Amino acid sequence: MYGEFAAVYDRLMQEVDYPAWAAHYQGMLAQRGVAAGSRVLEAACGTGNLTIHLARHYQLLPGDQSPEMLSVAALKARNAGLTLPFVRQDMRNLSAHRPAQAVVCGCDGVNYLLTKADLRRFLKSAWEVLAPGGVIAFDISSFHKLSQVLGHNTLGMKEEDICYLWRNAWQAGSRRLSMALSIFVKTPDGLWRLIEETQTQRAWLQEEVEEALEEAGFESAACYGDMTLGQPAKNARRLHFCATKPQEG
């Protein structure tokens, strides 16, 4: 996953308001007492679209398991005048040299955890890298979005030098969405290069995530909807979770 796709990912996501997304994380963390300048570990950072905004407010430790994504993210950070310690690591096995005050995972990272065991491993590793009183914050595409908005739909986009066909298949029993992307990129010599990418996401229910957070030892878990600090509506497309690791003693 995310091999050649890393080179064109940002073109396909260019309409996303990443500054607003990063600002929402700042708001959630500030509400839990995570101050500017705190050590924040970012899991599944992808091509760094949230990274470059978060890094202007925190001591950011970004990581991802895809070397192609990390390469794009590192170049993006350098072009933004940032020097960041990008690390290749699986979000289910996070590590840090010193405890972090927060762990952040944005842009559907948790949807790519397909089993309860994977979700537990992510939360356990986040717990272990957090200092007492540290905060975990992440977001997911909701059950409504994956099953009803994307569902069995086929999407497409065509521009002068890039186009794609995005075919989705919803599996109700496993609550998984299979996504097949055929991306055509125009090369300098006028030919078209085909990039094919297949991905799978799981639709996690709010109650499942909150239960997993509690089992991992987190407290004061909260769920917000669609870039707000309010309760999610039934048709919310994105759920944001935030919870705290208790203070020792």
C-alpha atoms as a PDB file:
ATOM      1  CA  MET A   1       0.000   0.000   0.000  1.00  0.00           C
ATOM      2  CA  TYR A   2       1.133   3.544  -0.776  1.00  0.00           C
ATOM      3  CA  GLY A   3       4.016   2.662  -3.112  1.00  0.00           C
ATOM      4  CA  GLU A   4       3.852   4.622  -6.372  1.00  0.00           C
ATOM      5  CA  PHE A   5       0.644   6.105  -5.006  1.00  0.00           C
ATOM      6  CA  ALA A   6       2.691   8.338  -2.686  1.00  0.00           C
ATOM      7  CA  ALA A   7       3.882  10.387  -5.669  1.00  0.00           C
ATOM      8  CA  VAL A   8       0.352  11.423  -6.651  1.00  0.00           C
ATOM      9  CA  TYR A   9      -1.451  11.308  -3.293  1.00  0.00           C
ATOM     10  CA  ASP A  10      -1.285  15.063  -2.713  1.00  0.00           C
ATOM     11  CA  ARG A  11      -2.757  15.831  -6.135  1.00  0.00           C
ATOM     12  CA  LEU A  12      -5.778  13.715  -5.306  1.00  0.00           C
ATOM     13  CA  MET A  13      -6.180  15.323  -1.869  1.00  0.00           C
ATOM     14  CA  GLN A  14      -5.570  18.940  -2.854  1.00  0.00           C
ATOM     15  CA  GLU A  15      -9.054  20.114  -1.851  1.00  0.00           C
ATOM     16  CA  VAL A  16      -8.649  19.001   1.784  1.00  0.00           C
ATOM     17  CA  ASP A  17      -8.275  21.873   4.274  1.00  0.00           C
ATOM     18  CA  TYR A  18      -5.264  20.557   6.193  1.00  0.00           C
ATOM     19  CA  PRO A  19      -4.613  23.828   8.093  1.00  0.00           C
ATOM     20  CA  ALA A  20      -8.127  23.631   9.555  1.00  0.00           C
ATOM     21  CA  TRP A  21      -7.651  19.930  10.340  1.00  0.00           C
ATOM     22  CA  ALA A  22      -4.386  20.643  12.169  1.00  0.00           C
ATOM     23  CA  ALA A  23      -6.005  23.563  14.018  1.00  0.00           C
ATOM     24  CA  HIS A  24      -8.737  21.201  15.206  1.00  0.00           C
ATOM     25  CA  TYR A  25      -6.100  18.915  16.698  1.00  0.00           C
ATOM     26  CA  GLN A  26      -4.508  21.915  18.416  1.00  0.00           C
ATOM     27  CA  GLY A  27      -7.879  22.721  19.938  1.00  0.00           C
ATOM     28  CA  MET A  28      -8.458  19.177  21.185  1.00  0.00           C
ATOM     29  CA  LEU A  29      -4.976  18.952  22.673  1.00  0.00           C
ATOM     30  CA  ALA A  30      -5.153  22.391  24.273  1.00  0.00           C
ATOM     31  CA  GLN A  31      -8.441  21.405  25.894  1.00  0.00           C
ATOM     32  CA  ARG A  32      -6.558  18.544  27.573  1.00  0.00           C
ATOM     33  CA  GLY A  33      -3.676  20.743  28.702  1.00  0.00           C
ATOM     34  CA  VAL A  34      -1.155  19.934  25.966  1.00  0.00           C
ATOM     35  CA  ALA A  35       0.690  23.240  25.525  1.00  0.00           C
ATOM     36  CA  ALA A  36       2.526  24.620  22.515  1.00  0.00           C
ATOM     37  CA  GLY A  37       6.066  23.242  22.410  1.00  0.00           C
ATOM     38  CA  SER A  38       5.063  19.855  23.857  1.00  0.00           C
ATOM     39  CA  ARG A  39       6.497  16.624  22.481  1.00  0.00           C
ATOM     40  CA  VAL A  40       3.885  15.153  20.124  1.00  0.00           C
ATOM     41  CA  LEU A  41       4.290  11.850  18.303  1.00  0.00           C
ATOM     42  CA  GLU A  42       2.390  11.720  15.015  1.00  0.00           C
ATOM     43  CA  ALA A  43       1.500   8.191  13.876  1.00  0.00           C
ATOM     44  CA  ALA A  44       0.771   7.361  10.221  1.00  0.00           C
ATOM     45  CA  CYS A  45       1.871  10.817   9.071  1.00  0.00           C
ATOM     46  CA  GLY A  46       1.597   9.937   5.363  1.00  0.00           C
ATOM     47  CA  THR A  47       2.961  12.643   3.068  1.00  0.00           C
ATOM     48  CA  GLY A  48       3.096  15.144   5.915  1.00  0.00           C
ATOM     49  CA  ASN A  49       0.079  17.295   5.152  1.00  0.00           C
ATOM     50  CA  LEU A  50      -0.836  17.609   8.831  1.00  0.00           C
ATOM     51  CA  THR A  51       2.788  17.330   9.890  1.00  0.00           C
ATOM     52  CA  ILE A  52       3.988  20.643   8.492  1.00  0.00           C
ATOM     53  CA  HIS A  53       1.203  22.512  10.303  1.00  0.00           C
ATOM     54  CA  LEU A  54       1.505  20.672  13.617  1.00  0.00           C
ATOM     55  CA  ALA A  55       5.279  21.073  13.593  1.00  0.00           C
ATOM     56  CA  ARG A  56       4.933  24.853  13.871  1.00  0.00           C
ATOM     57  CA  HIS A  57       3.351  24.409  17.312  1.00  0.00           C
ATOM     58  CA  TYR A  58       4.918  21.273  18.816  1.00  0.00           C
ATOM     59  CA  GLN A  59       8.134  19.290  19.056  1.00  0.00           C
ATOM     60  CA  LEU A  60       6.813  16.856  16.483  1.00  0.00           C
ATOM     61  CA  LEU A  61       7.969  13.258  16.057  1.00  0.00           C
ATOM     62  CA  PRO A  62       6.368  12.076  12.790  1.00  0.00           C
ATOM     63  CA  GLY A  63       6.398   8.482  11.603  1.00  0.00           C
ATOM     64  CA  ASP A  64       4.866   6.178   9.013  1.00  0.00           C
ATOM     65  CA  GLN A  65       5.451   2.607   7.846  1.00  0.00           C
ATOM     66  CA  SER A  66       5.652   3.596   4.150  1.00  0.00           C
ATOM     67  CA  PRO A  67       9.143   4.711   3.039  1.00  0.00           C
ATOM     68  CA  GLU A  68       7.627   6.302  -0.070  1.00  0.00           C
ATOM     69  CA  MET A  69       5.255   8.409   2.013  1.00  0.00           C
ATOM     70  CA  LEU A  70       8.066   9.387   4.383  1.00  0.00           C
ATOM     71  CA  SER A  71      10.235  10.472   1.456  1.00  0.00           C
ATOM     72  CA  VAL A  72       7.519  12.810   0.191  1.00  0.00           C
ATOM     73  CA  ALA A  73       6.865  14.108   3.717  1.00  0.00           C
ATOM     74  CA  ALA A  74      10.539  14.784   4.412  1.00  0.00           C
ATOM     75  CA  LEU A  75      10.928  16.753   1.175  1.00  0.00           C
ATOM     76  CA  LYS A  76       7.782  18.725   1.959  1.00  0.00           C
ATOM     77  CA  ALA A  77       9.122  19.567   5.426  1.00  0.00           C
ATOM     78  CA  ARG A  78      12.497  20.706   4.071  1.00  0.00           C
ATOM     79  CA  ASN A  79      10.764  22.911   1.502  1.00  0.00           C
ATOM     80  CA  ALA A  80       8.798  24.446   4.384  1.00  0.00           C
ATOM     81  CA  GLY A  81      12.019  25.173   6.258  1.00  0.00           C
ATOM     82  CA  LEU A  82      11.432  22.459   8.873  1.00  0.00           C
ATOM     83  CA  THR A  83      13.910  19.915  10.201  1.00  0.00           C
ATOM     84  CA  LEU A  84      11.952  16.958  11.536  1.00  0.00           C
ATOM     85  CA  PRO A  85      13.041  13.489  12.771  1.00  0.00           C
ATOM     86  CA  PHE A  86      10.932  11.317  10.459  1.00  0.00           C
ATOM     87  CA  VAL A  87      10.921   7.678  11.572  1.00  0.00           C
ATOM     88  CA  ARG A  88       9.733   4.583   9.775  1.00  0.00           C
ATOM     89  CA  GLN A  89       7.487   2.750  12.205  1.00  0.00           C
ATOM     90  CA  ASP A  90       4.237   0.834  12.301  1.00  0.00           C
ATOM     91  CA  MET A  91       1.493   2.631  14.235  1.00  0.00           C
ATOM     92  CA  ARG A  92       0.864  -0.644  16.059  1.00  0.00           C
ATOM     93  CA  ASN A  93       4.396  -0.548  17.471  1.00  0.00           C
ATOM     94  CA  LEU A  94       5.186   3.065  18.297  1.00  0.00           C
ATOM     95  CA  SER A  95       8.404   4.025  20.045  1.00  0.00           C
ATOM     96  CA  ALA A  96      10.095   7.213  21.212  1.00  0.00           C
ATOM     97  CA  HIS A  97      13.369   7.992  23.000  1.00  0.00           C
ATOM     98  CA  ARG A  98      11.501  10.085  25.589  1.00  0.00           C
ATOM     99  CA  PRO A  99       7.858  10.044  26.678  1.00  0.00           C
ATOM    100  CA  ALA A 100       5.533  12.222  24.622  1.00  0.00           C
ATOM    101  CA  GLN A 101       2.852  14.555  25.913  1.00  0.00           C
ATOM    102  CA  ALA A 102       0.531  13.547  23.067  1.00  0.00           C
ATOM    103  CA  VAL A 103       0.038  10.981  20.305  1.00  0.00           C
ATOM    104  CA  VAL A 104      -1.855  12.128  17.217  1.00  0.00           C
ATOM    105  CA  CYS A 105      -3.091  10.049  14.287  1.00  0.00           C
ATOM    106  CA  GLY A 106      -5.080  11.851  11.589  1.00  0.00           C
ATOM    107  CA  CYS A 107      -6.499  11.262   8.143  1.00  0.00           C
ATOM    108  CA  ASP A 108      -8.067   7.798   8.588  1.00  0.00           C
ATOM    109  CA  GLY A 109      -4.975   6.093   9.991  1.00  0.00           C
ATOM    110  CA  VAL A 110      -7.077   4.087  12.445  1.00  0.00           C
ATOM    111  CA  ASN A 111      -9.476   2.984   9.677  1.00  0.00           C
ATOM    112  CA  TYR A 112      -6.585   0.983   8.211  1.00  0.00           C
ATOM    113  CA  LEU A 113      -6.462  -1.105  11.387  1.00  0.00           C
ATOM    114  CA  LEU A 114      -8.683  -3.962  10.270  1.00  0.00           C
ATOM    115  CA  THR A 115      -8.962  -6.081  13.419  1.00  0.00           C
ATOM    116  CA  LYS A 116      -9.644  -5.469  17.094  1.00  0.00           C
ATOM    117  CA  ALA A 117      -6.193  -6.883  17.826  1.00  0.00           C
ATOM    118  CA  ASP A 118      -4.630  -4.217  15.596  1.00  0.00           C
ATOM    119  CA  LEU A 119      -6.626  -1.473  17.309  1.00  0.00           C
ATOM    120  CA  ARG A 120      -5.575  -2.753  20.732  1.00  0.00           C
ATOM    121  CA  ARG A 121      -1.921  -2.853  19.668  1.00  0.00           C
ATOM    122  CA  PHE A 122      -2.052   0.754  18.469  1.00  0.00           C
ATOM    123  CA  LEU A 123      -3.658   1.975  21.692  1.00  0.00           C
ATOM    124  CA  LYS A 124      -1.279  -0.081  23.854  1.00  0.00           C
ATOM    125  CA  SER A 125       1.795   1.283  22.059  1.00  0.00           C
ATOM    126  CA  ALA A 126       0.422   4.829  22.287  1.00  0.00           C
ATOM    127  CA  TRP A 127      -0.110   4.309  26.028  1.00  0.00           C
ATOM    128  CA  GLU A 128       3.490   3.157  26.419  1.00  0.00           C
ATOM    129  CA  VAL A 129       5.059   6.169  24.671  1.00  0.00           C
ATOM    130  CA  LEU A 130       2.898   8.711  26.528  1.00  0.00           C
ATOM    131  CA  ALA A 131       3.966  10.415  29.724  1.00  0.00           C
ATOM    132  CA  PRO A 132       1.527  10.240  32.650  1.00  0.00           C
ATOM    133  CA  GLY A 133      -1.240  12.728  31.914  1.00  0.00           C
ATOM    134  CA  GLY A 134      -0.487  12.481  28.180  1.00  0.00           C
ATOM    135  CA  VAL A 135      -3.204  12.651  25.556  1.00  0.00           C
ATOM    136  CA  ILE A 136      -4.133  10.526  22.556  1.00  0.00           C
ATOM    137  CA  ALA A 137      -6.119  12.135  19.720  1.00  0.00           C
ATOM    138  CA  PHE A 138      -7.138  10.585  16.412  1.00  0.00           C
ATOM    139  CA  ASP A 139      -9.904  10.611  13.821  1.00  0.00           C
ATOM    140  CA  ILE A 140     -11.713   8.051  11.685  1.00  0.00           C
ATOM    141  CA  SER A 141     -14.057   8.056   8.735  1.00  0.00           C
ATOM    142  CA  SER A 142     -17.402   7.059  10.218  1.00  0.00           C
ATOM    143  CA  PHE A 143     -19.552   3.995   9.583  1.00  0.00           C
ATOM    144  CA  HIS A 144     -21.995   6.306   7.780  1.00  0.00           C
ATOM    145  CA  LYS A 145     -19.315   7.634   5.462  1.00  0.00           C
ATOM    146  CA  LEU A 146     -17.780   4.276   4.557  1.00  0.00           C
ATOM    147  CA  SER A 147     -21.054   2.402   4.168  1.00  0.00           C
ATOM    148  CA  GLN A 148     -23.388   5.052   2.757  1.00  0.00           C
ATOM    149  CA  VAL A 149     -21.327   7.865   1.214  1.00  0.00           C
ATOM    150  CA  LEU A 150     -18.567   5.767  -0.351  1.00  0.00           C
ATOM    151  CA  GLY A 151     -20.289   2.374  -0.177  1.00  0.00           C
ATOM    152  CA  HIS A 152     -20.568   0.741  -3.598  1.00  0.00           C
ATOM    153  CA  ASN A 153     -20.070   4.049  -5.393  1.00  0.00           C
ATOM    154  CA  THR A 154     -17.624   4.693  -8.209  1.00  0.00           C
ATOM    155  CA  LEU A 155     -15.929   8.071  -8.229  1.00  0.00           C
ATOM    156  CA  GLY A 156     -13.806   9.793 -10.831  1.00  0.00           C
ATOM    157  CA  MET A 157     -11.751  12.889 -11.566  1.00  0.00           C
ATOM    158  CA  LYS A 158     -10.135  14.182 -14.763  1.00  0.00           C
ATOM    159  CA  GLU A 159      -7.653  17.017 -15.171  1.00  0.00           C
ATOM    160  CA  GLU A 160      -5.224  17.852 -17.937  1.00  0.00           C
ATOM    161  CA  ASP A 161      -2.360  15.790 -16.547  1.00  0.00           C
ATOM    162  CA  ILE A 162      -4.016  13.373 -14.129  1.00  0.00           C
ATOM    163  CA  CYS A 163      -7.252  11.412 -13.803  1.00  0.00           C
ATOM    164  CA  TYR A 164      -8.523   8.543 -11.708  1.00  0.00           C
ATOM    165  CA  LEU A 165     -11.286   5.975 -11.407  1.00  0.00           C
ATOM    166  CA  TRP A 166     -12.093   5.037  -7.798  1.00  0.00           C
ATOM    167  CA  ARG A 167     -14.261   1.927  -7.353  1.00  0.00           C
ATOM    168  CA  ASN A 168     -15.587   0.960  -3.928  1.00  0.00           C
ATOM    169  CA  ALA A 169     -17.055  -2.262  -2.577  1.00  0.00           C
ATOM    170  CA  TRP A 170     -18.704  -2.337   0.864  1.00  0.00           C
ATOM    171  CA  GLN A 171     -18.661  -5.607   2.827  1.00  0.00           C
ATOM    172  CA  ALA A 172     -21.438  -5.343   5.409  1.00  0.00           C
ATOM    173  CA  GLY A 173     -20.487  -8.445   7.391  1.00  0.00           C
ATOM    174  CA  SER A 174     -16.927  -7.360   8.128  1.00  0.00           C
ATOM    175  CA  ARG A 175     -17.688  -3.626   7.939  1.00  0.00           C
ATOM    176  CA  ARG A 176     -14.843  -3.182   5.485  1.00  0.00           C
ATOM    177  CA  LEU A 177     -14.591  -0.962   2.433  1.00  0.00           C
ATOM    178  CA  SER A 178     -12.392  -2.185  -0.418  1.00  0.00           C
ATOM    179  CA  MET A 179     -11.126   0.637  -2.622  1.00  0.00           C
ATOM    180  CA  ALA A 180      -9.585   0.077  -6.053  1.00  0.00           C
ATOM    181  CA  LEU A 181      -7.981   3.117  -7.662  1.00  0.00           C
ATOM    182  CA  SER A 182      -6.781   3.341 -11.249  1.00  0.00           C
ATOM    183  CA  ILE A 183      -4.769   6.553 -11.633  1.00  0.00           C
ATOM    184  CA  PHE A 184      -3.467   7.847 -14.940  1.00  0.00           C
ATOM    185  CA  VAL A 185      -0.611  10.364 -14.837  1.00  0.00           C
ATOM    186  CA  LYS A 186       0.595  12.188 -17.946  1.00  0.00           C
ATOM    187  CA  THR A 187       4.354  11.979 -18.413  1.00  0.00           C
ATOM    188  CA  PRO A 188       6.574  14.731 -19.906  1.00  0.00           C
ATOM    189  CA  ASP A 189       6.659  12.894 -23.265  1.00  0.00           C
ATOM    190  CA  GLY A 190       2.850  13.003 -23.499  1.00  0.00           C
ATOM    191  CA  LEU A 191       2.227   9.361 -22.620  1.00  0.00           C
ATOM    192  CA  TRP A 192       0.034   8.202 -19.763  1.00  0.00           C
ATOM    193  CA  ARG A 193       1.357   6.104 -16.860  1.00  0.00           C
ATOM    194  CA  LEU A 194      -1.062   3.868 -14.954  1.00  0.00           C
ATOM    195  CA  ILE A 195      -0.813   3.515 -11.166  1.00  0.00           C
ATOM    196  CA  GLU A 196      -3.099   0.948  -9.571  1.00  0.00           C
ATOM    197  CA  GLU A 197      -3.728   0.976  -5.845  1.00  0.00           C
ATOM    198  CA  THR A 198      -5.926  -1.241  -3.674  1.00  0.00           C
ATOM    199  CA  GLN A 199      -6.747  -0.342  -0.085  1.00  0.00           C
ATOM    200  CA  THR A 200      -9.097  -1.555   2.625  1.00  0.00           C
ATOM    201  CA  GLN A 201     -10.571   0.381   5.537  1.00  0.00           C
ATOM    202  CA  ARG A 202     -12.675  -0.790   8.458  1.00  0.00           C
ATOM    203  CA  ALA A 203     -15.658   1.135   9.777  1.00  0.00           C
ATOM    204  CA  TRP A 204     -15.204   1.322  13.525  1.00  0.00           C
ATOM    205  CA  LEU A 205     -18.233   2.130  15.645  1.00  0.00           C
ATOM    206  CA  GLN A 206     -17.968   4.890  18.234  1.00  0.00           C
ATOM    207  CA  GLU A 207     -18.773   2.450  21.060  1.00  0.00           C
ATOM    208  CA  GLU A 208     -16.051   0.036  19.902  1.00  0.00           C
ATOM    209  CA  VAL A 209     -13.394   2.730  19.935  1.00  0.00           C
ATOM    210  CA  GLU A 210     -14.451   4.087  23.308  1.00  0.00           C
ATOM    211  CA  GLU A 211     -14.438   0.568  24.772  1.00  0.00           C
ATOM    212  CA  ALA A 212     -10.962  -0.095  23.346  1.00  0.00           C
ATOM    213  CA  LEU A 213      -9.666   3.167  24.824  1.00  0.00           C
ATOM    214  CA  GLU A 214     -11.027   2.185  28.233  1.00  0.00           C
ATOM    215  CA  GLU A 215      -9.519  -1.302  27.990  1.00  0.00           C
ATOM    216  CA  ALA A 216      -6.141   0.248  27.148  1.00  0.00           C
ATOM    217  CA  GLY A 217      -6.310   2.270  30.358  1.00  0.00           C
ATOM    218  CA  PHE A 218      -7.233   5.691  28.993  1.00  0.00           C
ATOM    219  CA  GLU A 219      -9.768   7.839  30.795  1.00  0.00           C
ATOM    220  CA  SER A 220     -12.095  10.745  30.028  1.00  0.00           C
ATOM    221  CA  ALA A 221     -12.598   9.586  26.424  1.00  0.00           C
ATOM    222  CA  ALA A 222     -14.552  12.015  24.261  1.00  0.00           C
ATOM    223  CA  CYS A 223     -15.898  11.756  20.711  1.00  0.00           C
ATOM    224  CA  TYR A 224     -16.563  14.777  18.505  1.00  0.00           C
ATOM    225  CA  GLY A 225     -18.093  15.077  15.054  1.00  0.00           C
ATOM    226  CA  ASP A 226     -16.896  16.664  11.828  1.00  0.00           C
ATOM    227  CA  MET A 227     -14.196  19.089  13.049  1.00  0.00           C
ATOM    228  CA  THR A 228     -16.226  20.362  15.992  1.00  0.00           C
ATOM    229  CA  LEU A 229     -16.008  19.946  19.743  1.00  0.00           C
ATOM    230  CA  GLY A 230     -19.633  18.835  19.841  1.00  0.00           C
ATOM    231  CA  GLN A 231     -21.294  15.433  19.880  1.00  0.00           C
ATOM    232  CA  PRO A 232     -21.304  13.760  16.437  1.00  0.00           C
ATOM    233  CA  ALA A 233     -24.530  13.747  14.462  1.00  0.00           C
ATOM    234  CA  LYS A 234     -25.899  10.404  13.246  1.00  0.00           C
ATOM    235  CA  ASN A 235     -24.734  11.230   9.723  1.00  0.00           C
ATOM    236  CA  ALA A 236     -21.341  12.619  10.759  1.00  0.00           C
ATOM    237  CA  ARG A 237     -18.690  11.667   8.243  1.00  0.00           C
ATOM    238  CA  ARG A 238     -15.739  11.987  10.592  1.00  0.00           C
ATOM    239  CA  LEU A 239     -15.349  11.130  14.258  1.00  0.00           C
ATOM    240  CA  HIS A 240     -12.583  12.624  16.405  1.00  0.00           C
ATOM    241  CA  PHE A 241     -11.510  10.866  19.604  1.00  0.00           C
ATOM    242  CA  CYS A 242      -9.513  12.224  22.503  1.00  0.00           C
ATOM    243  CA  ALA A 243      -8.554  10.539  25.778  1.00  0.00           C
ATOM    244  CA  THR A 244      -6.028  10.926  28.594  1.00  0.00           C
ATOM    245  CA  LYS A 245      -3.513   8.610  30.228  1.00  0.00           C
ATOM    246  CA  PRO A 246      -4.020   8.917  33.998  1.00  0.00           C
ATOM    247  CA  GLN A 247      -1.404  10.524  36.184  1.00  0.00           C
ATOM    248  CA  GLU A 248       0.654   8.035  38.141  1.00  0.00           C
ATOM    249  CA  GLY A 249      -0.388   7.585  41.715  1.00  0.00           C
END
